[in-house]
Amino acid sequence: HKKNAIRSIKITKHHLLGRKRYLPASKSSMEISFFGPINIAKSISSFLNLAKYDNSGKHVYNIYNPGKVNIVPIQTFINKHSINYVHIINEYLSEAQFWKAIRGSKYIMLTHGNEYSGKLSGHLCDCISAAVPIISRRISPNRELAEKYGDIGYFYDNMADLKQILNNIDNEKNRERQRLNMIKINRDHRFDIIAHEYN
């Protein structure tokens, strides 16, 4: 109804983006990761297709905590396409293990669809905290963060985009720029900075 139409959206800073968990970049990392659980808004299909298109033989694809019900169809896909460089880790991770997995990733793929647009992903916060670039659909607030702070990873809308991403994913100069922009986001969302802006 026009009476209740949203006229504008105001984006505000969130303190979770200001947690500092990053370390110097690990240039030896070849791991591309997905963190579950899988749900309606966050599917696994794009991640599996990225792995399927990747015939470089360089990368390892890790799926963390997909949920028990999803293991069989994922394993079926892995077997069908002979992508044995895709690993399923469906077990409890301690906080130390979780951050080791985050920091050990070359890229982390956020597969949230349009139905999640406008919501802040906890795993996006983790990526920014650890300065790990993302592979993401072109949704808010991921897109707006990239527009404000610069390149933070790779965006995709379709399967053709995934193939193009694979052509660039090993460019360490790009990745270092993306990491530095993640650090800029992190520093700009420190609690003291947010508190100062609201006072």
N, C-alpha and C. Protein backbone atom coordinates (compact mmCIF):
# COMPACT_ATOMS: atom_id res chain seq x y z
N HIS A 1 0.85 -1.18 0.00
CA HIS A 1 0.00 0.00 0.00
C HIS A 1 0.89 1.23 0.00
N LYS A 2 0.56 2.24 -0.84
CA LYS A 2 1.40 3.41 -0.98
C LYS A 2 1.59 4.14 0.34
N LYS A 3 0.58 4.08 1.18
CA LYS A 3 0.64 4.79 2.46
C LYS A 3 1.80 4.28 3.32
N ASN A 4 2.09 2.98 3.21
CA ASN A 4 3.12 2.37 4.03
C ASN A 4 4.42 2.10 3.26
N ALA A 5 4.55 2.69 2.08
CA ALA A 5 5.72 2.43 1.25
C ALA A 5 6.99 2.97 1.91
N ILE A 6 8.09 2.24 1.78
CA ILE A 6 9.37 2.68 2.31
C ILE A 6 9.95 3.74 1.39
N ARG A 7 10.22 4.91 1.93
CA ARG A 7 10.72 6.01 1.11
C ARG A 7 12.24 6.08 1.08
N SER A 8 12.87 5.61 2.13
CA SER A 8 14.33 5.64 2.14
C SER A 8 14.85 4.61 3.12
N ILE A 9 16.08 4.19 2.91
CA ILE A 9 16.75 3.24 3.80
C ILE A 9 18.03 3.90 4.31
N LYS A 10 18.22 3.91 5.60
CA LYS A 10 19.42 4.47 6.18
C LYS A 10 20.33 3.34 6.63
N ILE A 11 21.55 3.34 6.15
CA ILE A 11 22.53 2.31 6.53
C ILE A 11 23.37 2.85 7.69
N THR A 12 23.39 2.13 8.79
CA THR A 12 24.16 2.55 9.94
C THR A 12 25.29 1.56 10.21
N LYS A 13 26.30 2.01 10.91
CA LYS A 13 27.45 1.15 11.21
C LYS A 13 27.10 0.15 12.30
N HIS A 14 27.68 -1.03 12.20
CA HIS A 14 27.45 -2.09 13.19
C HIS A 14 28.79 -2.47 13.82
N HIS A 15 28.80 -2.53 15.16
CA HIS A 15 30.06 -2.76 15.88
C HIS A 15 30.69 -4.12 15.60
N LEU A 16 29.90 -5.11 15.15
CA LEU A 16 30.48 -6.44 14.89
C LEU A 16 31.49 -6.41 13.75
N LEU A 17 31.38 -5.39 12.89
CA LEU A 17 32.35 -5.25 11.80
C LEU A 17 33.68 -4.72 12.31
N GLY A 18 33.71 -4.28 13.57
CA GLY A 18 34.91 -3.68 14.12
C GLY A 18 35.75 -4.58 15.00
N ARG A 19 35.36 -5.86 15.10
CA ARG A 19 36.20 -6.80 15.85
C ARG A 19 37.50 -7.04 15.08
N LYS A 20 38.61 -7.04 15.77
CA LYS A 20 39.89 -7.26 15.09
C LYS A 20 40.34 -8.70 15.30
N ARG A 21 40.36 -9.47 14.23
CA ARG A 21 40.80 -10.86 14.28
C ARG A 21 41.82 -11.16 13.18
N TYR A 22 42.27 -10.14 12.48
CA TYR A 22 43.12 -10.42 11.33
C TYR A 22 44.59 -10.55 11.70
N LEU A 23 45.27 -11.33 10.87
CA LEU A 23 46.70 -11.59 11.00
C LEU A 23 47.33 -11.26 9.65
N PRO A 24 48.66 -11.23 9.55
CA PRO A 24 49.28 -11.06 8.23
C PRO A 24 48.76 -12.11 7.25
N ALA A 25 48.62 -11.71 6.00
CA ALA A 25 48.05 -12.61 4.99
C ALA A 25 48.87 -13.87 4.83
N SER A 26 48.16 -14.98 4.65
CA SER A 26 48.81 -16.25 4.36
C SER A 26 48.79 -16.47 2.85
N LYS A 27 49.88 -16.15 2.19
CA LYS A 27 49.91 -16.25 0.73
C LYS A 27 49.94 -17.69 0.24
N SER A 28 50.22 -18.60 1.15
CA SER A 28 50.27 -20.00 0.75
C SER A 28 48.88 -20.64 0.71
N SER A 29 47.88 -19.95 1.27
CA SER A 29 46.54 -20.52 1.35
C SER A 29 45.92 -20.70 -0.03
N MET A 30 45.39 -21.88 -0.26
CA MET A 30 44.66 -22.17 -1.49
C MET A 30 43.26 -22.68 -1.17
N GLU A 31 42.79 -22.39 0.04
CA GLU A 31 41.50 -22.89 0.49
C GLU A 31 40.39 -21.87 0.22
N ILE A 32 39.32 -22.34 -0.39
CA ILE A 32 38.12 -21.54 -0.59
C ILE A 32 37.03 -22.19 0.26
N SER A 33 36.41 -21.41 1.12
CA SER A 33 35.56 -22.00 2.15
C SER A 33 34.11 -21.51 2.10
N PHE A 34 33.24 -22.38 2.57
CA PHE A 34 31.82 -22.07 2.76
C PHE A 34 31.48 -22.49 4.19
N PHE A 35 30.82 -21.60 4.92
CA PHE A 35 30.41 -21.90 6.28
C PHE A 35 28.89 -21.94 6.36
N GLY A 36 28.38 -23.10 6.80
CA GLY A 36 26.95 -23.29 6.90
C GLY A 36 26.40 -22.77 8.21
N PRO A 37 25.20 -23.22 8.58
CA PRO A 37 24.47 -24.28 7.87
C PRO A 37 23.77 -23.77 6.61
N ILE A 38 23.50 -24.71 5.72
CA ILE A 38 22.77 -24.42 4.50
C ILE A 38 21.30 -24.18 4.87
N ASN A 39 20.69 -23.18 4.24
CA ASN A 39 19.26 -22.94 4.45
C ASN A 39 18.66 -22.33 3.19
N ILE A 40 17.41 -21.93 3.26
CA ILE A 40 16.72 -21.41 2.07
C ILE A 40 17.43 -20.18 1.52
N ALA A 41 17.91 -19.33 2.40
CA ALA A 41 18.56 -18.09 1.97
C ALA A 41 20.03 -18.28 1.60
N LYS A 42 20.60 -19.41 2.01
CA LYS A 42 22.04 -19.64 1.79
C LYS A 42 22.24 -21.06 1.27
N SER A 43 22.23 -21.19 -0.04
CA SER A 43 22.35 -22.52 -0.65
C SER A 43 23.81 -22.86 -0.89
N ILE A 44 24.04 -24.09 -1.27
CA ILE A 44 25.40 -24.57 -1.52
C ILE A 44 25.70 -24.69 -3.02
N SER A 45 24.69 -24.51 -3.87
CA SER A 45 24.84 -24.81 -5.30
C SER A 45 25.91 -23.96 -5.97
N SER A 46 25.97 -22.66 -5.67
CA SER A 46 26.98 -21.80 -6.30
C SER A 46 28.39 -22.23 -5.91
N PHE A 47 28.56 -22.60 -4.65
CA PHE A 47 29.88 -23.04 -4.17
C PHE A 47 30.30 -24.32 -4.88
N LEU A 48 29.38 -25.26 -5.01
CA LEU A 48 29.70 -26.52 -5.68
C LEU A 48 29.98 -26.31 -7.16
N ASN A 49 29.25 -25.39 -7.79
CA ASN A 49 29.50 -25.11 -9.20
C ASN A 49 30.84 -24.41 -9.41
N LEU A 50 31.20 -23.52 -8.48
CA LEU A 50 32.53 -22.89 -8.56
C LEU A 50 33.61 -23.96 -8.53
N ALA A 51 33.45 -24.92 -7.60
CA ALA A 51 34.42 -26.01 -7.49
C ALA A 51 34.43 -26.86 -8.76
N LYS A 52 33.26 -27.10 -9.31
CA LYS A 52 33.15 -27.93 -10.52
C LYS A 52 33.85 -27.26 -11.71
N TYR A 53 33.72 -25.93 -11.82
CA TYR A 53 34.33 -25.20 -12.93
C TYR A 53 35.84 -25.06 -12.76
N ASP A 54 36.34 -25.26 -11.54
CA ASP A 54 37.75 -25.04 -11.24
C ASP A 54 38.58 -26.28 -11.61
N ASN A 55 39.21 -26.21 -12.75
CA ASN A 55 40.05 -27.34 -13.19
C ASN A 55 41.53 -27.00 -13.09
N SER A 56 41.85 -26.01 -12.23
CA SER A 56 43.24 -25.59 -12.11
C SER A 56 44.08 -26.59 -11.32
N GLY A 57 43.43 -27.37 -10.46
CA GLY A 57 44.16 -28.31 -9.62
C GLY A 57 44.89 -27.64 -8.47
N LYS A 58 44.64 -26.35 -8.26
CA LYS A 58 45.36 -25.60 -7.22
C LYS A 58 44.60 -25.51 -5.90
N HIS A 59 43.29 -25.48 -5.95
CA HIS A 59 42.51 -25.08 -4.78
C HIS A 59 41.84 -26.24 -4.06
N VAL A 60 41.64 -26.03 -2.78
CA VAL A 60 40.87 -26.95 -1.94
C VAL A 60 39.59 -26.22 -1.54
N TYR A 61 38.47 -26.90 -1.64
CA TYR A 61 37.18 -26.31 -1.29
C TYR A 61 36.65 -26.99 -0.02
N ASN A 62 36.48 -26.18 1.02
CA ASN A 62 36.02 -26.71 2.30
C ASN A 62 34.60 -26.26 2.61
N ILE A 63 33.76 -27.22 2.96
CA ILE A 63 32.38 -26.94 3.35
C ILE A 63 32.27 -27.23 4.84
N TYR A 64 32.10 -26.18 5.63
CA TYR A 64 32.00 -26.35 7.08
C TYR A 64 30.54 -26.32 7.53
N ASN A 65 30.18 -27.31 8.34
CA ASN A 65 28.87 -27.35 8.98
C ASN A 65 27.70 -27.16 8.01
N PRO A 66 27.59 -28.02 6.99
CA PRO A 66 26.45 -27.88 6.07
C PRO A 66 25.13 -28.32 6.69
N GLY A 67 25.18 -29.14 7.73
CA GLY A 67 23.97 -29.73 8.30
C GLY A 67 23.85 -31.17 7.83
N LYS A 68 23.50 -32.08 8.74
CA LYS A 68 23.48 -33.52 8.43
C LYS A 68 22.64 -33.86 7.21
N VAL A 69 21.48 -33.22 7.10
CA VAL A 69 20.55 -33.56 6.03
C VAL A 69 21.13 -33.26 4.64
N ASN A 70 22.15 -32.41 4.58
CA ASN A 70 22.70 -32.00 3.28
C ASN A 70 23.92 -32.79 2.84
N ILE A 71 24.45 -33.63 3.71
CA ILE A 71 25.71 -34.32 3.40
C ILE A 71 25.58 -35.27 2.22
N VAL A 72 24.53 -36.07 2.19
CA VAL A 72 24.37 -37.06 1.12
C VAL A 72 24.26 -36.41 -0.25
N PRO A 73 23.39 -35.40 -0.47
CA PRO A 73 23.34 -34.77 -1.79
C PRO A 73 24.64 -34.08 -2.19
N ILE A 74 25.35 -33.51 -1.22
CA ILE A 74 26.63 -32.87 -1.53
C ILE A 74 27.65 -33.93 -1.95
N GLN A 75 27.72 -35.02 -1.21
CA GLN A 75 28.67 -36.08 -1.54
C GLN A 75 28.33 -36.70 -2.89
N THR A 76 27.05 -36.81 -3.20
CA THR A 76 26.61 -37.33 -4.50
C THR A 76 27.12 -36.43 -5.62
N PHE A 77 27.02 -35.12 -5.44
CA PHE A 77 27.50 -34.15 -6.43
C PHE A 77 29.01 -34.26 -6.59
N ILE A 78 29.72 -34.37 -5.47
CA ILE A 78 31.18 -34.51 -5.49
C ILE A 78 31.59 -35.75 -6.29
N ASN A 79 30.92 -36.85 -6.01
CA ASN A 79 31.25 -38.11 -6.70
C ASN A 79 30.91 -38.03 -8.19
N LYS A 80 29.77 -37.46 -8.50
CA LYS A 80 29.31 -37.37 -9.89
C LYS A 80 30.28 -36.59 -10.76
N HIS A 81 30.83 -35.51 -10.21
CA HIS A 81 31.70 -34.62 -10.99
C HIS A 81 33.18 -34.83 -10.69
N SER A 82 33.49 -35.85 -9.89
CA SER A 82 34.88 -36.20 -9.57
C SER A 82 35.67 -35.00 -9.06
N ILE A 83 35.06 -34.27 -8.14
CA ILE A 83 35.74 -33.12 -7.57
C ILE A 83 36.16 -33.48 -6.14
N ASN A 84 37.15 -34.35 -6.06
CA ASN A 84 37.58 -34.86 -4.76
C ASN A 84 38.40 -33.85 -3.96
N TYR A 85 38.55 -32.64 -4.50
CA TYR A 85 39.21 -31.56 -3.76
C TYR A 85 38.19 -30.75 -2.95
N VAL A 86 36.93 -31.22 -2.92
CA VAL A 86 35.90 -30.63 -2.08
C VAL A 86 35.77 -31.47 -0.82
N HIS A 87 35.93 -30.85 0.33
CA HIS A 87 35.89 -31.57 1.60
C HIS A 87 34.72 -31.09 2.45
N ILE A 88 34.04 -32.02 3.10
CA ILE A 88 32.94 -31.71 4.01
C ILE A 88 33.43 -31.85 5.44
N ILE A 89 33.31 -30.78 6.21
CA ILE A 89 33.69 -30.82 7.62
C ILE A 89 32.42 -30.55 8.43
N ASN A 90 31.72 -31.59 8.79
CA ASN A 90 30.45 -31.42 9.49
C ASN A 90 30.61 -31.85 10.95
N GLU A 91 31.36 -31.08 11.68
CA GLU A 91 31.61 -31.39 13.08
C GLU A 91 31.75 -30.09 13.86
N TYR A 92 31.61 -30.19 15.15
CA TYR A 92 31.73 -29.01 16.00
C TYR A 92 33.14 -28.44 15.91
N LEU A 93 33.23 -27.12 15.75
CA LEU A 93 34.52 -26.44 15.76
C LEU A 93 34.60 -25.58 17.02
N SER A 94 35.69 -25.72 17.74
CA SER A 94 35.92 -24.83 18.87
C SER A 94 36.15 -23.43 18.31
N GLU A 95 36.14 -22.43 19.19
CA GLU A 95 36.37 -21.06 18.72
C GLU A 95 37.74 -20.96 18.04
N ALA A 96 38.75 -21.60 18.62
CA ALA A 96 40.09 -21.56 18.04
C ALA A 96 40.11 -22.23 16.67
N GLN A 97 39.42 -23.36 16.54
CA GLN A 97 39.36 -24.08 15.26
C GLN A 97 38.60 -23.26 14.21
N PHE A 98 37.54 -22.59 14.67
CA PHE A 98 36.73 -21.77 13.76
C PHE A 98 37.57 -20.64 13.17
N TRP A 99 38.28 -19.91 14.02
CA TRP A 99 39.06 -18.79 13.52
C TRP A 99 40.27 -19.26 12.71
N LYS A 100 40.78 -20.43 13.02
CA LYS A 100 41.86 -20.99 12.21
C LYS A 100 41.34 -21.28 10.81
N ALA A 101 40.11 -21.80 10.72
CA ALA A 101 39.50 -22.09 9.42
C ALA A 101 39.21 -20.80 8.64
N ILE A 102 38.74 -19.78 9.34
CA ILE A 102 38.47 -18.49 8.69
C ILE A 102 39.77 -17.90 8.15
N ARG A 103 40.76 -17.77 9.03
CA ARG A 103 42.03 -17.14 8.63
C ARG A 103 42.79 -17.95 7.59
N GLY A 104 42.57 -19.26 7.59
CA GLY A 104 43.28 -20.12 6.65
C GLY A 104 42.67 -20.14 5.26
N SER A 105 41.59 -19.39 5.07
CA SER A 105 40.90 -19.37 3.78
C SER A 105 41.45 -18.27 2.87
N LYS A 106 41.63 -18.62 1.61
CA LYS A 106 42.02 -17.63 0.61
C LYS A 106 40.84 -16.70 0.33
N TYR A 107 39.67 -17.32 0.15
CA TYR A 107 38.41 -16.60 -0.01
C TYR A 107 37.32 -17.37 0.74
N ILE A 108 36.32 -16.63 1.19
CA ILE A 108 35.14 -17.26 1.79
C ILE A 108 33.94 -16.87 0.94
N MET A 109 33.16 -17.87 0.56
CA MET A 109 32.02 -17.64 -0.31
C MET A 109 30.75 -17.46 0.52
N LEU A 110 30.09 -16.34 0.28
CA LEU A 110 28.81 -16.03 0.92
C LEU A 110 27.73 -16.15 -0.16
N THR A 111 26.89 -17.16 -0.04
CA THR A 111 25.96 -17.47 -1.14
C THR A 111 24.54 -16.96 -0.90
N HIS A 112 24.36 -16.08 0.07
CA HIS A 112 23.02 -15.57 0.36
C HIS A 112 22.37 -14.99 -0.89
N GLY A 113 21.10 -15.33 -1.09
CA GLY A 113 20.36 -14.83 -2.23
C GLY A 113 19.67 -13.51 -1.94
N ASN A 114 18.86 -13.04 -2.89
CA ASN A 114 18.19 -11.75 -2.76
C ASN A 114 17.28 -11.67 -1.55
N GLU A 115 16.75 -12.83 -1.11
CA GLU A 115 15.86 -12.81 0.04
C GLU A 115 16.59 -12.40 1.32
N TYR A 116 17.92 -12.43 1.29
CA TYR A 116 18.72 -12.04 2.45
C TYR A 116 19.22 -10.61 2.32
N SER A 117 18.95 -9.97 1.20
CA SER A 117 19.45 -8.63 0.94
C SER A 117 18.98 -7.66 2.03
N GLY A 118 19.89 -6.82 2.48
CA GLY A 118 19.57 -5.86 3.53
C GLY A 118 19.87 -6.35 4.92
N LYS A 119 20.24 -7.62 5.05
CA LYS A 119 20.57 -8.18 6.36
C LYS A 119 22.09 -8.35 6.47
N LEU A 120 22.58 -8.19 7.69
CA LEU A 120 24.03 -8.31 7.91
C LEU A 120 24.38 -9.75 8.26
N SER A 121 25.16 -10.38 7.42
CA SER A 121 25.59 -11.76 7.64
C SER A 121 26.65 -11.83 8.72
N GLY A 122 26.47 -12.74 9.66
CA GLY A 122 27.49 -12.96 10.68
C GLY A 122 28.81 -13.38 10.08
N HIS A 123 28.75 -14.17 9.02
CA HIS A 123 29.99 -14.61 8.38
C HIS A 123 30.67 -13.49 7.61
N LEU A 124 29.90 -12.52 7.13
CA LEU A 124 30.52 -11.33 6.54
C LEU A 124 31.30 -10.59 7.62
N CYS A 125 30.72 -10.47 8.81
CA CYS A 125 31.43 -9.84 9.94
C CYS A 125 32.72 -10.59 10.24
N ASP A 126 32.66 -11.92 10.21
CA ASP A 126 33.85 -12.73 10.47
C ASP A 126 34.92 -12.48 9.42
N CYS A 127 34.51 -12.39 8.16
CA CYS A 127 35.46 -12.15 7.07
C CYS A 127 36.15 -10.80 7.24
N ILE A 128 35.36 -9.78 7.59
CA ILE A 128 35.94 -8.45 7.78
C ILE A 128 36.86 -8.45 8.99
N SER A 129 36.44 -9.12 10.07
CA SER A 129 37.27 -9.19 11.27
C SER A 129 38.62 -9.83 10.99
N ALA A 130 38.62 -10.84 10.11
CA ALA A 130 39.85 -11.58 9.81
C ALA A 130 40.53 -11.10 8.54
N ALA A 131 39.94 -10.09 7.88
CA ALA A 131 40.50 -9.54 6.63
C ALA A 131 40.64 -10.62 5.56
N VAL A 132 39.59 -11.42 5.41
CA VAL A 132 39.56 -12.45 4.37
C VAL A 132 38.56 -11.99 3.30
N PRO A 133 38.99 -11.82 2.06
CA PRO A 133 38.08 -11.37 0.99
C PRO A 133 36.95 -12.38 0.74
N ILE A 134 35.89 -11.89 0.12
CA ILE A 134 34.69 -12.70 -0.08
C ILE A 134 34.41 -12.93 -1.56
N ILE A 135 33.64 -13.98 -1.81
CA ILE A 135 32.97 -14.20 -3.09
C ILE A 135 31.50 -14.16 -2.75
N SER A 136 30.77 -13.24 -3.33
CA SER A 136 29.41 -12.99 -2.86
C SER A 136 28.47 -12.61 -3.99
N ARG A 137 27.20 -12.91 -3.79
CA ARG A 137 26.19 -12.35 -4.68
C ARG A 137 26.16 -10.83 -4.48
N ARG A 138 25.65 -10.13 -5.47
CA ARG A 138 25.66 -8.67 -5.46
C ARG A 138 24.46 -8.14 -4.65
N ILE A 139 24.51 -8.36 -3.33
CA ILE A 139 23.40 -7.95 -2.48
C ILE A 139 23.87 -6.95 -1.42
N SER A 140 22.90 -6.29 -0.79
CA SER A 140 23.21 -5.38 0.32
C SER A 140 23.41 -6.20 1.59
N PRO A 141 24.29 -5.75 2.51
CA PRO A 141 25.14 -4.55 2.44
C PRO A 141 26.50 -4.81 1.81
N ASN A 142 26.72 -6.02 1.30
CA ASN A 142 28.03 -6.35 0.70
C ASN A 142 28.39 -5.38 -0.41
N ARG A 143 27.40 -5.11 -1.27
CA ARG A 143 27.65 -4.22 -2.41
C ARG A 143 27.98 -2.81 -1.94
N GLU A 144 27.22 -2.31 -0.96
CA GLU A 144 27.45 -0.95 -0.48
C GLU A 144 28.82 -0.80 0.20
N LEU A 145 29.25 -1.83 0.91
CA LEU A 145 30.57 -1.79 1.54
C LEU A 145 31.67 -1.69 0.48
N ALA A 146 31.51 -2.43 -0.61
CA ALA A 146 32.49 -2.38 -1.69
C ALA A 146 32.48 -1.01 -2.37
N GLU A 147 31.30 -0.43 -2.52
CA GLU A 147 31.19 0.89 -3.15
C GLU A 147 31.86 1.95 -2.30
N LYS A 148 31.76 1.82 -0.98
CA LYS A 148 32.32 2.83 -0.08
C LYS A 148 33.80 2.63 0.18
N TYR A 149 34.23 1.37 0.36
CA TYR A 149 35.60 1.12 0.80
C TYR A 149 36.51 0.55 -0.28
N GLY A 150 35.94 0.18 -1.41
CA GLY A 150 36.74 -0.39 -2.49
C GLY A 150 36.59 -1.90 -2.57
N ASP A 151 37.35 -2.48 -3.46
CA ASP A 151 37.29 -3.91 -3.77
C ASP A 151 37.47 -4.78 -2.51
N ILE A 152 36.49 -5.64 -2.22
CA ILE A 152 36.58 -6.54 -1.06
C ILE A 152 36.47 -8.01 -1.47
N GLY A 153 36.51 -8.26 -2.77
CA GLY A 153 36.40 -9.63 -3.25
C GLY A 153 35.75 -9.66 -4.62
N TYR A 154 35.00 -10.70 -4.89
CA TYR A 154 34.36 -10.87 -6.19
C TYR A 154 32.86 -11.05 -6.03
N PHE A 155 32.11 -10.37 -6.90
CA PHE A 155 30.66 -10.49 -6.90
C PHE A 155 30.20 -11.28 -8.11
N TYR A 156 29.11 -12.01 -7.95
CA TYR A 156 28.58 -12.78 -9.06
C TYR A 156 27.05 -12.72 -9.08
N ASP A 157 26.52 -12.82 -10.29
CA ASP A 157 25.06 -12.87 -10.49
C ASP A 157 24.64 -14.18 -11.12
N ASN A 158 25.57 -14.85 -11.80
CA ASN A 158 25.21 -16.06 -12.54
C ASN A 158 26.43 -16.98 -12.64
N MET A 159 26.22 -18.10 -13.29
CA MET A 159 27.29 -19.09 -13.41
C MET A 159 28.45 -18.60 -14.27
N ALA A 160 28.15 -17.77 -15.27
CA ALA A 160 29.22 -17.23 -16.11
C ALA A 160 30.16 -16.36 -15.29
N ASP A 161 29.62 -15.64 -14.32
CA ASP A 161 30.45 -14.82 -13.44
C ASP A 161 31.41 -15.69 -12.63
N LEU A 162 30.94 -16.87 -12.19
CA LEU A 162 31.79 -17.77 -11.40
C LEU A 162 33.01 -18.19 -12.22
N LYS A 163 32.81 -18.47 -13.49
CA LYS A 163 33.93 -18.87 -14.35
C LYS A 163 34.93 -17.72 -14.50
N GLN A 164 34.41 -16.49 -14.59
CA GLN A 164 35.30 -15.33 -14.71
C GLN A 164 36.09 -15.11 -13.43
N ILE A 165 35.44 -15.35 -12.29
CA ILE A 165 36.12 -15.21 -11.00
C ILE A 165 37.34 -16.13 -10.93
N LEU A 166 37.18 -17.34 -11.44
CA LEU A 166 38.29 -18.31 -11.41
C LEU A 166 39.49 -17.84 -12.23
N ASN A 167 39.25 -16.97 -13.20
CA ASN A 167 40.36 -16.43 -14.00
C ASN A 167 41.20 -15.43 -13.21
N ASN A 168 40.63 -14.89 -12.13
CA ASN A 168 41.29 -13.81 -11.39
C ASN A 168 41.66 -14.18 -9.96
N ILE A 169 41.19 -15.31 -9.49
CA ILE A 169 41.24 -15.62 -8.06
C ILE A 169 42.65 -15.82 -7.52
N ASP A 170 43.61 -16.10 -8.39
CA ASP A 170 44.98 -16.31 -7.92
C ASP A 170 45.86 -15.08 -8.09
N ASN A 171 45.24 -13.94 -8.41
CA ASN A 171 45.99 -12.69 -8.53
C ASN A 171 46.23 -12.14 -7.13
N GLU A 172 47.45 -12.33 -6.62
CA GLU A 172 47.76 -11.94 -5.24
C GLU A 172 47.75 -10.43 -5.04
N LYS A 173 48.02 -9.68 -6.09
CA LYS A 173 47.95 -8.22 -5.98
C LYS A 173 46.52 -7.79 -5.70
N ASN A 174 45.58 -8.40 -6.41
CA ASN A 174 44.16 -8.10 -6.16
C ASN A 174 43.76 -8.49 -4.75
N ARG A 175 44.20 -9.69 -4.33
CA ARG A 175 43.82 -10.19 -3.02
C ARG A 175 44.36 -9.30 -1.90
N GLU A 176 45.57 -8.81 -2.04
CA GLU A 176 46.15 -7.94 -1.02
C GLU A 176 45.36 -6.62 -0.94
N ARG A 177 44.97 -6.09 -2.09
CA ARG A 177 44.14 -4.88 -2.09
C ARG A 177 42.81 -5.14 -1.40
N GLN A 178 42.22 -6.29 -1.68
CA GLN A 178 40.95 -6.65 -1.05
C GLN A 178 41.10 -6.77 0.46
N ARG A 179 42.18 -7.39 0.91
CA ARG A 179 42.44 -7.53 2.35
C ARG A 179 42.58 -6.16 3.01
N LEU A 180 43.33 -5.26 2.39
CA LEU A 180 43.55 -3.94 2.96
C LEU A 180 42.24 -3.17 3.06
N ASN A 181 41.37 -3.34 2.09
CA ASN A 181 40.06 -2.68 2.15
C ASN A 181 39.19 -3.28 3.25
N MET A 182 39.32 -4.59 3.48
CA MET A 182 38.62 -5.21 4.60
C MET A 182 39.10 -4.61 5.93
N ILE A 183 40.39 -4.39 6.03
CA ILE A 183 40.96 -3.80 7.24
C ILE A 183 40.44 -2.37 7.42
N LYS A 184 40.29 -1.63 6.31
CA LYS A 184 39.72 -0.28 6.38
C LYS A 184 38.30 -0.32 6.94
N ILE A 185 37.50 -1.28 6.49
CA ILE A 185 36.14 -1.41 7.02
C ILE A 185 36.19 -1.70 8.51
N ASN A 186 37.06 -2.64 8.87
CA ASN A 186 37.19 -3.03 10.27
C ASN A 186 37.54 -1.83 11.15
N ARG A 187 38.51 -1.07 10.73
CA ARG A 187 38.96 0.07 11.53
C ARG A 187 37.89 1.16 11.62
N ASP A 188 37.11 1.30 10.56
CA ASP A 188 36.07 2.35 10.54
C ASP A 188 34.85 1.96 11.36
N HIS A 189 34.80 0.72 11.83
CA HIS A 189 33.66 0.25 12.61
C HIS A 189 34.05 -0.11 14.04
N ARG A 190 35.19 0.40 14.49
CA ARG A 190 35.55 0.20 15.89
C ARG A 190 34.51 0.85 16.79
N PHE A 191 34.33 0.27 17.96
CA PHE A 191 33.29 0.76 18.86
C PHE A 191 33.50 2.23 19.22
N ASP A 192 34.76 2.64 19.44
CA ASP A 192 35.01 4.02 19.84
C ASP A 192 34.67 5.00 18.73
N ILE A 193 34.88 4.58 17.48
CA ILE A 193 34.54 5.46 16.35
C ILE A 193 33.03 5.59 16.21
N ILE A 194 32.31 4.47 16.34
CA ILE A 194 30.85 4.51 16.25
C ILE A 194 30.27 5.35 17.38
N ALA A 195 30.80 5.16 18.59
CA ALA A 195 30.31 5.92 19.75
C ALA A 195 30.54 7.41 19.55
N HIS A 196 31.69 7.79 18.99
CA HIS A 196 32.01 9.19 18.74
C HIS A 196 31.04 9.79 17.73
N GLU A 197 30.69 9.03 16.68
CA GLU A 197 29.79 9.54 15.65
C GLU A 197 28.37 9.73 16.16
N TYR A 198 27.99 8.94 17.16
CA TYR A 198 26.62 9.04 17.69
C TYR A 198 26.52 10.04 18.84
N ASN A 199 27.65 10.50 19.35
CA ASN A 199 27.64 11.46 20.47
C ASN A 199 27.73 12.90 19.97
